[in-house]
Protein backbone atom coordinates (compact mmCIF):
# COMPACT_ATOMS: atom_id res chain seq x y z
CA MET A 1 -11.91 0.04 -11.00
CA LYS A 2 -12.76 -3.56 -11.16
CA ASN A 3 -16.89 -3.64 -10.41
CA GLY A 4 -16.96 -2.41 -7.18
CA GLU A 5 -19.05 -3.86 -4.95
CA ASN A 6 -22.60 -5.37 -6.06
CA GLY A 7 -21.28 -4.29 -9.48
CA LYS A 8 -21.90 -0.43 -8.58
CA GLY A 9 -18.67 0.41 -9.90
CA ILE A 10 -17.28 3.92 -8.54
CA THR A 11 -20.79 4.53 -6.82
CA SER A 12 -19.76 1.70 -4.68
CA ARG A 13 -17.19 3.60 -2.80
CA TRP A 14 -18.03 7.22 -2.91
CA TYR A 15 -21.53 8.95 -3.01
CA PRO A 16 -21.66 10.88 -6.32
CA GLU A 17 -22.29 14.32 -4.37
CA THR A 18 -19.05 13.79 -2.28
CA LEU A 19 -17.18 12.69 -5.41
CA LYS A 20 -18.17 15.90 -7.26
CA LYS A 21 -17.09 18.24 -4.56
CA ARG A 22 -13.51 16.41 -4.22
CA ILE A 23 -13.21 17.16 -7.69
CA LEU A 24 -14.35 20.52 -8.17
CA SER A 25 -11.86 20.64 -4.98
CA ILE A 26 -9.04 19.16 -6.65
CA ASP A 27 -9.91 21.26 -9.58
CA LYS A 28 -9.00 24.22 -7.81
CA ILE A 29 -5.30 23.08 -7.61
CA ARG A 30 -4.62 21.31 -10.22
CA THR A 31 -1.79 23.19 -11.95
CA LYS A 32 0.21 22.13 -8.70
CA ILE A 33 -0.48 18.36 -9.31
CA GLN A 34 0.44 15.96 -11.49
CA PHE A 35 -1.42 12.64 -11.95
CA ILE A 36 0.68 9.56 -13.44
CA ALA A 37 -0.84 6.74 -15.02
CA GLY A 38 1.21 3.80 -14.90
CA ASP A 39 2.60 1.25 -12.25
CA GLY A 40 3.22 3.05 -9.30
CA PHE A 41 6.06 1.24 -8.12
CA GLU A 42 8.17 2.38 -11.60
CA VAL A 43 7.02 6.10 -11.05
CA CYS A 44 8.14 5.98 -7.40
CA GLU A 45 11.62 4.54 -8.19
CA GLN A 46 12.43 6.69 -10.83
CA ASN A 47 11.48 9.78 -8.81
CA TYR A 48 12.82 8.64 -5.54
CA HIS A 49 15.35 11.60 -5.31
CA ARG A 50 12.78 14.35 -5.79
CA ASN A 51 12.60 16.12 -2.59
CA ASP A 52 10.06 18.40 -4.34
CA ALA A 53 7.60 16.06 -4.91
CA ILE A 54 5.12 14.63 -2.49
CA TYR A 55 3.43 11.27 -2.76
CA PHE A 56 0.04 10.13 -2.66
CA ILE A 57 0.26 6.26 -2.06
CA ASP A 58 -3.17 4.24 -2.36
CA PRO A 59 -2.78 0.73 -2.67
CA PRO A 60 -5.17 -1.60 -3.03
CA TYR A 61 -6.55 -2.42 0.40
CA LEU A 62 -5.37 -6.14 2.16
CA LYS A 63 -8.69 -7.01 2.78
CA ALA A 64 -10.87 -5.72 0.22
CA GLY A 65 -8.48 -5.20 -2.57
CA ARG A 66 -9.57 -8.53 -4.44
CA ARG A 67 -13.09 -7.57 -4.59
CA LEU A 68 -12.72 -4.06 -5.91
CA TYR A 69 -9.73 -3.95 -8.10
CA ARG A 70 -8.42 -5.28 -11.34
CA TYR A 71 -5.21 -5.52 -9.91
CA SER A 72 -4.98 -6.38 -6.25
CA ALA A 73 -2.31 -8.46 -5.53
CA VAL A 74 0.29 -6.03 -4.23
CA ASP A 75 3.54 -6.76 -2.13
CA HIS A 76 2.69 -4.88 0.69
CA GLU A 77 5.75 -4.67 2.09
CA ALA A 78 7.53 -3.87 -0.99
CA VAL A 79 5.47 -0.88 -1.02
CA PHE A 80 6.47 0.42 2.57
CA LYS A 81 10.24 -0.37 1.62
CA LEU A 82 9.62 1.91 -1.52
CA ALA A 83 7.80 4.48 0.76
CA SER A 84 11.17 4.79 3.40
CA GLN A 85 13.32 5.37 0.03
CA LEU A 86 11.72 8.04 -1.08
CA GLU A 87 13.14 11.90 -0.14
CA GLY A 88 10.06 13.42 -0.81
CA ASP A 89 7.27 13.13 1.82
CA PHE A 90 4.40 10.92 1.83
CA LEU A 91 0.82 10.31 2.72
CA MET A 92 -0.42 6.70 2.53
CA SER A 93 -4.12 5.37 2.75
CA TYR A 94 -4.22 1.77 3.69
CA ASP A 95 -7.28 -0.84 5.97
CA ASN A 96 -7.05 -0.80 9.58
CA VAL A 97 -5.89 -4.33 9.84
CA GLU A 98 -2.87 -5.51 12.16
CA GLU A 99 -0.62 -6.69 9.23
CA ILE A 100 -0.44 -3.19 7.89
CA ARG A 101 -0.23 -1.57 11.15
CA ASP A 102 2.71 -3.85 12.20
CA ILE A 103 4.57 -3.08 8.58
CA ALA A 104 4.49 0.48 9.16
CA SER A 105 5.73 0.05 12.65
CA GLY A 106 8.35 -1.60 11.53
CA TYR A 107 9.44 1.28 9.52
CA GLU A 108 8.93 3.19 12.14
CA PHE A 109 5.90 5.40 10.49
CA ALA A 110 3.33 7.25 11.63
CA VAL A 111 -0.07 5.84 11.63
CA GLN A 112 -3.05 7.95 12.38
CA PRO A 113 -6.56 6.18 12.17
CA ILE A 114 -9.24 8.20 10.42
CA ALA A 115 -13.21 7.93 10.61
CA MET A 116 -15.16 6.71 7.13
CA LYS A 117 -18.34 5.24 6.16
CA ASN A 118 -18.74 2.70 3.82
CA THR A 119 -21.57 2.22 1.31
CA HIS A 120 -23.84 0.52 4.42
CA HIS A 121 -23.38 3.67 6.36
CA ALA A 122 -20.98 1.46 8.59
CA GLU A 123 -18.76 3.62 10.52
CA LYS A 124 -14.87 2.04 9.91
CA THR A 125 -11.68 3.29 10.39
CA GLU A 126 -8.61 3.70 7.66
CA LEU A 127 -5.12 4.53 8.28
CA LEU A 128 -3.19 7.23 7.04
CA ILE A 129 0.25 6.41 6.91
CA GLY A 130 3.28 8.96 6.59
CA ARG A 131 6.83 9.80 8.24
CA ASN A 132 5.21 12.05 10.39
CA PHE A 133 2.13 13.95 10.82
CA ASP A 134 2.87 17.25 12.42
CA TRP A 135 1.22 19.05 9.71
CA PHE A 136 -1.96 16.90 10.08
CA LEU A 137 -2.54 17.26 13.51
CA GLY A 138 -0.89 20.55 14.22
């Protein structure tokens, strides 16, 4: 995270109590999760053949990326191409903008808008993207 909105760092995107609850939830399943620090493209390219892996892909958002993140220059088309080559399942999150919906459609990925609130309590939607959402909508 760069400096976030108004210099608030991580609290500019997540409320402290919400973040605490999420971390405690993750703690319960920590033995099943592996976080890898590094270049996401390299990690996916090295592990694309693993059908026992599930990837969570959370690239910098198209609109807010430059403002929020130190590393925001991402080839969004390349992210989708790489996701299409993964043998394991994946879940991707993105901002709800036409360019991203168009790229997802081109790869025939499922797109599910979900509600979210920003720090100004404005209700917005972001996108969950994957091969299908039978498990999510089911």
